Amino acid sequence: MPHVIVKMYEGKGLPEKQALAQAVAETVAGFGYDIRKVSVSIDDIRPENWMEAVYHPDIMNRRASLVRAPSYGPVSEKF
């Protein structure tokens, strides 16, 4: 623990994903977590599916737990 899920546009290769996962894990570990217990998964999302697959369920519908909003869409106007 903790486990971080990154959702991003598809198209990055495995080396880029591994570098991103390592950077995320190191950042999380910097807050006092054992890096050996930090896990990271990456979900590739097609750009045309972003709003339906990510924005509405994970951003719009989870505003109460949203700590950082994106700079696009209706949620950005409330931050």
C-alpha atoms as a PDB file:
ATOM      1  CA  MET A   1       0.000   0.000   0.000  1.00  0.00           C
ATOM      2  CA  PRO A   2      -0.567   2.518  -1.452  1.00  0.00           C
ATOM      3  CA  HIS A   3      -1.656   1.652  -4.964  1.00  0.00           C
ATOM      4  CA  VAL A   4      -1.767   4.408  -7.597  1.00  0.00           C
ATOM      5  CA  ILE A   5      -3.788   4.113 -10.798  1.00  0.00           C
ATOM      6  CA  VAL A   6      -2.710   6.298 -13.715  1.00  0.00           C
ATOM      7  CA  LYS A   7      -5.159   6.723 -16.568  1.00  0.00           C
ATOM      8  CA  MET A   8      -3.741   8.303 -19.701  1.00  0.00           C
ATOM      9  CA  TYR A   9      -4.073   8.409 -23.443  1.00  0.00           C
ATOM     10  CA  GLU A  10      -2.835   5.255 -25.096  1.00  0.00           C
ATOM     11  CA  GLY A  11       0.360   5.329 -27.103  1.00  0.00           C
ATOM     12  CA  LYS A  12       3.225   5.265 -24.617  1.00  0.00           C
ATOM     13  CA  GLY A  13       5.574   2.294 -24.750  1.00  0.00           C
ATOM     14  CA  LEU A  14       6.574   0.036 -21.902  1.00  0.00           C
ATOM     15  CA  PRO A  15       9.854   1.898 -21.159  1.00  0.00           C
ATOM     16  CA  GLU A  16       7.958   5.184 -20.779  1.00  0.00           C
ATOM     17  CA  LYS A  17       5.332   3.543 -18.578  1.00  0.00           C
ATOM     18  CA  GLN A  18       8.004   1.958 -16.401  1.00  0.00           C
ATOM     19  CA  ALA A  19       9.754   5.322 -16.018  1.00  0.00           C
ATOM     20  CA  LEU A  20       6.465   7.001 -15.087  1.00  0.00           C
ATOM     21  CA  ALA A  21       5.619   4.238 -12.601  1.00  0.00           C
ATOM     22  CA  GLN A  22       9.062   4.531 -11.010  1.00  0.00           C
ATOM     23  CA  ALA A  23       8.726   8.319 -10.700  1.00  0.00           C
ATOM     24  CA  VAL A  24       5.262   7.978  -9.158  1.00  0.00           C
ATOM     25  CA  ALA A  25       6.486   5.316  -6.721  1.00  0.00           C
ATOM     26  CA  GLU A  26       9.472   7.443  -5.685  1.00  0.00           C
ATOM     27  CA  THR A  27       7.230  10.465  -5.151  1.00  0.00           C
ATOM     28  CA  VAL A  28       4.808   8.455  -3.014  1.00  0.00           C
ATOM     29  CA  ALA A  29       7.714   6.977  -1.049  1.00  0.00           C
ATOM     30  CA  GLY A  30       8.866  10.524  -0.344  1.00  0.00           C
ATOM     31  CA  PHE A  31       5.778  10.914   1.832  1.00  0.00           C
ATOM     32  CA  GLY A  32       6.928   8.210   4.203  1.00  0.00           C
ATOM     33  CA  TYR A  33       5.843   5.015   2.478  1.00  0.00           C
ATOM     34  CA  ASP A  34       8.112   2.053   1.865  1.00  0.00           C
ATOM     35  CA  ILE A  35       8.774   2.115  -1.887  1.00  0.00           C
ATOM     36  CA  ARG A  36       8.728  -1.684  -1.941  1.00  0.00           C
ATOM     37  CA  LYS A  37       5.058  -1.543  -0.967  1.00  0.00           C
ATOM     38  CA  VAL A  38       3.991   1.060  -3.533  1.00  0.00           C
ATOM     39  CA  SER A  39       2.295  -0.351  -6.628  1.00  0.00           C
ATOM     40  CA  VAL A  40       1.357   1.516  -9.806  1.00  0.00           C
ATOM     41  CA  SER A  41      -0.914   0.468 -12.635  1.00  0.00           C
ATOM     42  CA  ILE A  42      -1.444   2.305 -15.902  1.00  0.00           C
ATOM     43  CA  ASP A  43      -4.690   2.200 -17.870  1.00  0.00           C
ATOM     44  CA  ASP A  44      -4.458   3.161 -21.535  1.00  0.00           C
ATOM     45  CA  ILE A  45      -7.501   5.106 -22.689  1.00  0.00           C
ATOM     46  CA  ARG A  46      -8.342   5.960 -26.278  1.00  0.00           C
ATOM     47  CA  PRO A  47      -8.639   9.752 -26.632  1.00  0.00           C
ATOM     48  CA  GLU A  48     -12.134   9.510 -28.079  1.00  0.00           C
ATOM     49  CA  ASN A  49     -13.232   7.521 -24.998  1.00  0.00           C
ATOM     50  CA  TRP A  50     -11.644   9.826 -22.388  1.00  0.00           C
ATOM     51  CA  MET A  51     -14.735  11.780 -21.341  1.00  0.00           C
ATOM     52  CA  GLU A  52     -16.923   8.688 -20.988  1.00  0.00           C
ATOM     53  CA  ALA A  53     -14.290   6.357 -19.532  1.00  0.00           C
ATOM     54  CA  VAL A  54     -12.441   8.752 -17.209  1.00  0.00           C
ATOM     55  CA  TYR A  55     -13.782  12.293 -16.940  1.00  0.00           C
ATOM     56  CA  HIS A  56     -17.363  11.518 -15.985  1.00  0.00           C
ATOM     57  CA  PRO A  57     -16.855   8.518 -13.662  1.00  0.00           C
ATOM     58  CA  ASP A  58     -13.528   9.487 -12.070  1.00  0.00           C
ATOM     59  CA  ILE A  59     -13.561  13.284 -12.097  1.00  0.00           C
ATOM     60  CA  MET A  60     -17.149  14.526 -12.285  1.00  0.00           C
ATOM     61  CA  ASN A  61     -18.623  11.804 -10.095  1.00  0.00           C
ATOM     62  CA  ARG A  62     -15.802  11.869  -7.537  1.00  0.00           C
ATOM     63  CA  ARG A  63     -15.527  15.607  -6.904  1.00  0.00           C
ATOM     64  CA  ALA A  64     -15.677  15.098  -3.145  1.00  0.00           C
ATOM     65  CA  SER A  65     -12.360  13.248  -3.227  1.00  0.00           C
ATOM     66  CA  LEU A  66     -10.784  15.196  -6.098  1.00  0.00           C
ATOM     67  CA  VAL A  67      -7.687  16.963  -4.798  1.00  0.00           C
ATOM     68  CA  ARG A  68      -6.429  18.401  -8.081  1.00  0.00           C
ATOM     69  CA  ALA A  69      -8.750  19.201 -10.972  1.00  0.00           C
ATOM     70  CA  PRO A  70      -7.800  19.225 -14.642  1.00  0.00           C
ATOM     71  CA  SER A  71      -7.749  22.488 -16.547  1.00  0.00           C
ATOM     72  CA  TYR A  72     -10.571  21.379 -18.879  1.00  0.00           C
ATOM     73  CA  GLY A  73     -14.243  20.604 -18.487  1.00  0.00           C
ATOM     74  CA  PRO A  74     -16.852  21.756 -16.005  1.00  0.00           C
ATOM     75  CA  VAL A  75     -14.993  20.630 -12.867  1.00  0.00           C
ATOM     76  CA  SER A  76     -12.093  23.006 -13.624  1.00  0.00           C
ATOM     77  CA  GLU A  77     -14.452  25.952 -13.258  1.00  0.00           C
ATOM     78  CA  LYS A  78     -15.197  25.036  -9.631  1.00  0.00           C
ATOM     79  CA  PHE A  79     -11.562  24.873  -8.463  1.00  0.00           C
END
